[in-house]
Amino acid sequence: MAELRSLLKAEEQVRLYAISVDNHEQSTQFAVKIAADGKGAVTFPLLSDPDHRTIDAFGLRDPMYNGQENEGIPHPAVYVIDKAGRIAWVKVEENYKVRATNGDIRAALDALK
């Protein structure tokens, strides 16, 4: 999440959102923790989905956590949605340690132009 701070170009007409199962307070604390590294604040909204509505709508719930305290945690995923509201690019990872890179996302954004 911290790397996403450097994804967008100045004055770029792109909206970036992060969605998490964390509630609003937890997301706010997470943003403060990221900013504490001295590389800048999180400049995009961290949206809360504690009821898993968005996560389930996209089929992202990771079954590895079923029946556990942290049930509902999603697979890491990135969606690039074009101006018409269509999914132009998606990357969903099965391994929570693997994430789309800024380079991957940048290439998807640049392909929209």
N, C-alpha and C. Protein backbone atom coordinates (compact mmCIF):
# COMPACT_ATOMS: atom_id res chain seq x y z
N MET A 1 0.82 -1.18 0.00
CA MET A 1 0.00 0.00 0.00
C MET A 1 0.87 1.25 0.00
N ALA A 2 1.95 1.20 0.73
CA ALA A 2 2.82 2.37 0.82
C ALA A 2 3.37 2.77 -0.55
N GLU A 3 3.68 1.80 -1.39
CA GLU A 3 4.24 2.11 -2.70
C GLU A 3 3.25 2.85 -3.59
N LEU A 4 1.97 2.66 -3.37
CA LEU A 4 0.96 3.32 -4.20
C LEU A 4 1.04 4.84 -4.10
N ARG A 5 1.68 5.35 -3.06
CA ARG A 5 1.82 6.81 -2.91
C ARG A 5 2.55 7.41 -4.09
N SER A 6 3.41 6.64 -4.73
CA SER A 6 4.21 7.18 -5.83
C SER A 6 3.71 6.73 -7.20
N LEU A 7 2.54 6.14 -7.28
CA LEU A 7 2.03 5.62 -8.54
C LEU A 7 1.60 6.70 -9.52
N LEU A 8 0.84 7.65 -9.05
CA LEU A 8 0.23 8.63 -9.95
C LEU A 8 1.18 9.77 -10.29
N LYS A 9 1.04 10.26 -11.53
CA LYS A 9 1.83 11.41 -11.98
C LYS A 9 1.11 12.68 -11.54
N ALA A 10 1.88 13.75 -11.40
CA ALA A 10 1.30 15.04 -11.01
C ALA A 10 0.22 15.43 -12.01
N GLU A 11 -0.90 15.92 -11.49
CA GLU A 11 -2.02 16.40 -12.31
C GLU A 11 -2.70 15.31 -13.13
N GLU A 12 -2.39 14.06 -12.87
CA GLU A 12 -3.01 12.96 -13.61
C GLU A 12 -4.48 12.83 -13.20
N GLN A 13 -5.34 12.64 -14.17
CA GLN A 13 -6.77 12.53 -13.93
C GLN A 13 -7.15 11.07 -13.66
N VAL A 14 -6.67 10.55 -12.55
CA VAL A 14 -6.92 9.16 -12.15
C VAL A 14 -7.34 9.18 -10.68
N ARG A 15 -8.34 8.39 -10.37
CA ARG A 15 -8.74 8.23 -8.97
C ARG A 15 -8.25 6.88 -8.48
N LEU A 16 -7.64 6.89 -7.34
CA LEU A 16 -7.10 5.68 -6.74
C LEU A 16 -7.80 5.47 -5.40
N TYR A 17 -8.28 4.25 -5.18
CA TYR A 17 -8.94 3.89 -3.93
C TYR A 17 -8.36 2.57 -3.44
N ALA A 18 -8.25 2.42 -2.14
CA ALA A 18 -7.88 1.14 -1.54
C ALA A 18 -9.06 0.68 -0.70
N ILE A 19 -9.38 -0.61 -0.80
CA ILE A 19 -10.49 -1.17 -0.03
C ILE A 19 -9.96 -2.25 0.88
N SER A 20 -10.40 -2.22 2.12
CA SER A 20 -9.92 -3.14 3.14
C SER A 20 -11.08 -3.61 4.01
N VAL A 21 -10.89 -4.75 4.66
CA VAL A 21 -11.89 -5.24 5.62
C VAL A 21 -11.82 -4.45 6.92
N ASP A 22 -10.80 -3.67 7.10
CA ASP A 22 -10.64 -2.89 8.33
C ASP A 22 -11.74 -1.83 8.43
N ASN A 23 -12.13 -1.51 9.67
CA ASN A 23 -13.09 -0.43 9.85
C ASN A 23 -12.39 0.92 9.65
N HIS A 24 -13.17 1.99 9.68
CA HIS A 24 -12.62 3.32 9.40
C HIS A 24 -11.47 3.69 10.33
N GLU A 25 -11.65 3.43 11.61
CA GLU A 25 -10.60 3.77 12.58
C GLU A 25 -9.31 3.00 12.30
N GLN A 26 -9.42 1.72 12.02
CA GLN A 26 -8.23 0.91 11.71
C GLN A 26 -7.55 1.40 10.43
N SER A 27 -8.34 1.76 9.42
CA SER A 27 -7.77 2.27 8.17
C SER A 27 -7.03 3.58 8.40
N THR A 28 -7.62 4.44 9.23
CA THR A 28 -6.97 5.71 9.56
C THR A 28 -5.65 5.46 10.27
N GLN A 29 -5.64 4.55 11.23
CA GLN A 29 -4.40 4.22 11.95
C GLN A 29 -3.36 3.64 10.99
N PHE A 30 -3.82 2.83 10.04
CA PHE A 30 -2.91 2.25 9.06
C PHE A 30 -2.28 3.35 8.19
N ALA A 31 -3.07 4.32 7.77
CA ALA A 31 -2.55 5.42 6.97
C ALA A 31 -1.51 6.23 7.75
N VAL A 32 -1.76 6.44 9.04
CA VAL A 32 -0.80 7.16 9.89
C VAL A 32 0.49 6.36 10.00
N LYS A 33 0.38 5.05 10.15
CA LYS A 33 1.56 4.19 10.24
C LYS A 33 2.39 4.25 8.97
N ILE A 34 1.73 4.23 7.83
CA ILE A 34 2.45 4.32 6.54
C ILE A 34 3.17 5.65 6.46
N ALA A 35 2.50 6.74 6.79
CA ALA A 35 3.08 8.08 6.70
C ALA A 35 4.27 8.25 7.64
N ALA A 36 4.32 7.45 8.70
CA ALA A 36 5.41 7.57 9.67
C ALA A 36 6.76 7.19 9.10
N ASP A 37 6.78 6.59 7.90
CA ASP A 37 8.07 6.23 7.31
C ASP A 37 8.79 7.43 6.72
N GLY A 38 8.13 8.61 6.73
CA GLY A 38 8.76 9.84 6.26
C GLY A 38 8.71 10.03 4.75
N LYS A 39 8.04 9.16 4.05
CA LYS A 39 7.97 9.26 2.58
C LYS A 39 6.67 9.88 2.11
N GLY A 40 5.91 10.42 3.02
CA GLY A 40 4.68 11.12 2.65
C GLY A 40 3.43 10.41 3.13
N ALA A 41 2.38 11.19 3.13
CA ALA A 41 1.08 10.69 3.56
C ALA A 41 0.42 9.86 2.47
N VAL A 42 -0.54 9.08 2.86
CA VAL A 42 -1.38 8.36 1.90
C VAL A 42 -2.31 9.42 1.30
N THR A 43 -2.29 9.56 -0.01
CA THR A 43 -3.03 10.64 -0.67
C THR A 43 -4.28 10.13 -1.39
N PHE A 44 -4.70 8.94 -1.07
CA PHE A 44 -5.89 8.37 -1.69
C PHE A 44 -6.77 7.78 -0.59
N PRO A 45 -8.07 7.67 -0.85
CA PRO A 45 -8.98 7.16 0.19
C PRO A 45 -8.75 5.69 0.49
N LEU A 46 -8.80 5.36 1.78
CA LEU A 46 -8.79 3.98 2.24
C LEU A 46 -10.23 3.67 2.65
N LEU A 47 -10.91 2.90 1.84
CA LEU A 47 -12.32 2.61 2.06
C LEU A 47 -12.47 1.35 2.90
N SER A 48 -13.43 1.37 3.79
CA SER A 48 -13.66 0.25 4.70
C SER A 48 -14.79 -0.64 4.18
N ASP A 49 -14.54 -1.95 4.21
CA ASP A 49 -15.53 -2.94 3.79
C ASP A 49 -15.60 -4.06 4.83
N PRO A 50 -15.90 -3.71 6.09
CA PRO A 50 -15.89 -4.74 7.14
C PRO A 50 -16.98 -5.80 6.97
N ASP A 51 -18.02 -5.49 6.20
CA ASP A 51 -19.08 -6.47 5.94
C ASP A 51 -18.81 -7.28 4.67
N HIS A 52 -17.70 -7.02 4.02
CA HIS A 52 -17.23 -7.79 2.85
C HIS A 52 -18.13 -7.67 1.63
N ARG A 53 -18.90 -6.63 1.54
CA ARG A 53 -19.83 -6.50 0.40
C ARG A 53 -19.09 -6.37 -0.93
N THR A 54 -18.12 -5.48 -0.99
CA THR A 54 -17.36 -5.30 -2.23
C THR A 54 -16.46 -6.50 -2.47
N ILE A 55 -15.81 -6.95 -1.42
CA ILE A 55 -14.91 -8.11 -1.53
C ILE A 55 -15.66 -9.32 -2.06
N ASP A 56 -16.84 -9.58 -1.54
CA ASP A 56 -17.63 -10.72 -2.00
C ASP A 56 -18.21 -10.49 -3.40
N ALA A 57 -18.59 -9.25 -3.70
CA ALA A 57 -19.15 -8.96 -5.03
C ALA A 57 -18.14 -9.26 -6.13
N PHE A 58 -16.86 -9.08 -5.82
CA PHE A 58 -15.81 -9.35 -6.80
C PHE A 58 -15.20 -10.75 -6.63
N GLY A 59 -15.74 -11.54 -5.71
CA GLY A 59 -15.26 -12.90 -5.51
C GLY A 59 -13.83 -12.98 -5.00
N LEU A 60 -13.46 -12.04 -4.15
CA LEU A 60 -12.07 -11.95 -3.69
C LEU A 60 -11.80 -12.56 -2.32
N ARG A 61 -12.83 -13.03 -1.65
CA ARG A 61 -12.62 -13.57 -0.30
C ARG A 61 -11.66 -14.75 -0.36
N ASP A 62 -10.63 -14.72 0.47
CA ASP A 62 -9.64 -15.79 0.51
C ASP A 62 -10.14 -16.91 1.43
N PRO A 63 -10.44 -18.09 0.88
CA PRO A 63 -10.99 -19.18 1.69
C PRO A 63 -10.03 -19.70 2.75
N MET A 64 -8.75 -19.36 2.63
CA MET A 64 -7.76 -19.79 3.61
C MET A 64 -8.14 -19.29 5.02
N TYR A 65 -8.88 -18.19 5.09
CA TYR A 65 -9.22 -17.59 6.38
C TYR A 65 -10.61 -17.97 6.87
N ASN A 66 -11.34 -18.81 6.13
CA ASN A 66 -12.68 -19.21 6.54
C ASN A 66 -12.65 -19.85 7.92
N GLY A 67 -13.59 -19.43 8.77
CA GLY A 67 -13.69 -19.97 10.11
C GLY A 67 -12.67 -19.43 11.09
N GLN A 68 -11.83 -18.50 10.66
CA GLN A 68 -10.82 -17.92 11.53
C GLN A 68 -11.24 -16.53 11.99
N GLU A 69 -10.52 -16.01 12.95
CA GLU A 69 -10.81 -14.68 13.49
C GLU A 69 -10.82 -13.62 12.40
N ASN A 70 -9.92 -13.72 11.45
CA ASN A 70 -9.83 -12.72 10.39
C ASN A 70 -10.50 -13.20 9.09
N GLU A 71 -11.58 -13.92 9.22
CA GLU A 71 -12.34 -14.40 8.07
C GLU A 71 -12.79 -13.22 7.21
N GLY A 72 -12.75 -13.40 5.92
CA GLY A 72 -13.19 -12.36 4.99
C GLY A 72 -12.06 -11.59 4.36
N ILE A 73 -10.84 -11.86 4.79
CA ILE A 73 -9.70 -11.18 4.18
C ILE A 73 -9.66 -11.56 2.70
N PRO A 74 -9.49 -10.57 1.83
CA PRO A 74 -9.50 -10.87 0.40
C PRO A 74 -8.12 -11.23 -0.15
N HIS A 75 -8.14 -11.81 -1.33
CA HIS A 75 -6.90 -11.95 -2.09
C HIS A 75 -6.46 -10.55 -2.50
N PRO A 76 -5.17 -10.29 -2.56
CA PRO A 76 -4.72 -8.99 -3.07
C PRO A 76 -5.18 -8.83 -4.51
N ALA A 77 -5.75 -7.69 -4.82
CA ALA A 77 -6.27 -7.47 -6.17
C ALA A 77 -6.16 -6.00 -6.54
N VAL A 78 -5.97 -5.76 -7.82
CA VAL A 78 -5.98 -4.41 -8.38
C VAL A 78 -6.87 -4.43 -9.60
N TYR A 79 -7.77 -3.46 -9.65
CA TYR A 79 -8.65 -3.29 -10.81
C TYR A 79 -8.41 -1.91 -11.39
N VAL A 80 -8.21 -1.85 -12.70
CA VAL A 80 -8.16 -0.57 -13.40
C VAL A 80 -9.47 -0.49 -14.16
N ILE A 81 -10.22 0.55 -13.87
CA ILE A 81 -11.55 0.74 -14.46
C ILE A 81 -11.50 1.98 -15.34
N ASP A 82 -11.94 1.82 -16.58
CA ASP A 82 -11.87 2.95 -17.52
C ASP A 82 -13.00 3.96 -17.26
N LYS A 83 -12.99 5.04 -18.03
CA LYS A 83 -13.96 6.11 -17.83
C LYS A 83 -15.40 5.66 -18.05
N ALA A 84 -15.59 4.61 -18.82
CA ALA A 84 -16.93 4.09 -19.09
C ALA A 84 -17.39 3.13 -17.99
N GLY A 85 -16.52 2.89 -17.00
CA GLY A 85 -16.87 2.00 -15.90
C GLY A 85 -16.59 0.53 -16.18
N ARG A 86 -15.86 0.25 -17.23
CA ARG A 86 -15.52 -1.14 -17.57
C ARG A 86 -14.16 -1.50 -16.96
N ILE A 87 -14.04 -2.74 -16.55
CA ILE A 87 -12.76 -3.21 -16.04
C ILE A 87 -11.82 -3.37 -17.24
N ALA A 88 -10.76 -2.57 -17.24
CA ALA A 88 -9.80 -2.59 -18.34
C ALA A 88 -8.62 -3.52 -18.06
N TRP A 89 -8.36 -3.75 -16.77
CA TRP A 89 -7.22 -4.59 -16.39
C TRP A 89 -7.47 -5.05 -14.97
N VAL A 90 -7.07 -6.27 -14.68
CA VAL A 90 -7.22 -6.79 -13.32
C VAL A 90 -6.06 -7.74 -13.02
N LYS A 91 -5.63 -7.71 -11.79
CA LYS A 91 -4.63 -8.66 -11.32
C LYS A 91 -5.05 -9.10 -9.92
N VAL A 92 -5.32 -10.39 -9.78
CA VAL A 92 -5.69 -10.97 -8.50
C VAL A 92 -4.63 -12.01 -8.17
N GLU A 93 -4.10 -11.93 -6.98
CA GLU A 93 -3.05 -12.85 -6.55
C GLU A 93 -3.61 -13.85 -5.53
N GLU A 94 -3.24 -15.09 -5.66
CA GLU A 94 -3.63 -16.10 -4.68
C GLU A 94 -2.76 -16.02 -3.43
N ASN A 95 -1.51 -15.63 -3.60
CA ASN A 95 -0.55 -15.53 -2.50
C ASN A 95 -0.56 -14.11 -1.95
N TYR A 96 -0.92 -13.95 -0.70
CA TYR A 96 -1.02 -12.60 -0.12
C TYR A 96 0.31 -11.86 -0.09
N LYS A 97 1.42 -12.57 -0.24
CA LYS A 97 2.73 -11.93 -0.23
C LYS A 97 3.10 -11.34 -1.58
N VAL A 98 2.33 -11.68 -2.62
CA VAL A 98 2.59 -11.20 -3.97
C VAL A 98 1.57 -10.11 -4.29
N ARG A 99 2.05 -9.00 -4.80
CA ARG A 99 1.17 -7.87 -5.12
C ARG A 99 1.51 -7.33 -6.50
N ALA A 100 0.54 -6.72 -7.14
CA ALA A 100 0.82 -6.03 -8.40
C ALA A 100 1.80 -4.91 -8.10
N THR A 101 2.75 -4.72 -8.99
CA THR A 101 3.73 -3.66 -8.80
C THR A 101 3.21 -2.34 -9.37
N ASN A 102 3.83 -1.25 -8.96
CA ASN A 102 3.48 0.03 -9.56
C ASN A 102 3.72 0.00 -11.06
N GLY A 103 4.75 -0.73 -11.50
CA GLY A 103 5.02 -0.85 -12.93
C GLY A 103 3.89 -1.55 -13.67
N ASP A 104 3.35 -2.61 -13.07
CA ASP A 104 2.20 -3.31 -13.66
C ASP A 104 1.01 -2.37 -13.80
N ILE A 105 0.72 -1.66 -12.73
CA ILE A 105 -0.44 -0.78 -12.71
C ILE A 105 -0.23 0.40 -13.66
N ARG A 106 0.99 0.95 -13.65
CA ARG A 106 1.30 2.08 -14.53
C ARG A 106 1.09 1.69 -16.00
N ALA A 107 1.54 0.49 -16.37
CA ALA A 107 1.38 0.03 -17.75
C ALA A 107 -0.10 -0.07 -18.10
N ALA A 108 -0.92 -0.55 -17.18
CA ALA A 108 -2.36 -0.65 -17.41
C ALA A 108 -2.99 0.73 -17.55
N LEU A 109 -2.57 1.67 -16.74
CA LEU A 109 -3.09 3.04 -16.85
C LEU A 109 -2.68 3.69 -18.16
N ASP A 110 -1.41 3.50 -18.52
CA ASP A 110 -0.91 4.11 -19.76
C ASP A 110 -1.60 3.52 -20.99
N ALA A 111 -2.01 2.28 -20.91
CA ALA A 111 -2.69 1.63 -22.04
C ALA A 111 -4.08 2.23 -22.28
N LEU A 112 -4.63 2.91 -21.30
CA LEU A 112 -5.95 3.54 -21.45
C LEU A 112 -5.90 4.81 -22.28
N LYS A 113 -4.74 5.37 -22.44
CA LYS A 113 -4.61 6.67 -23.15
C LYS A 113 -4.55 6.49 -24.64
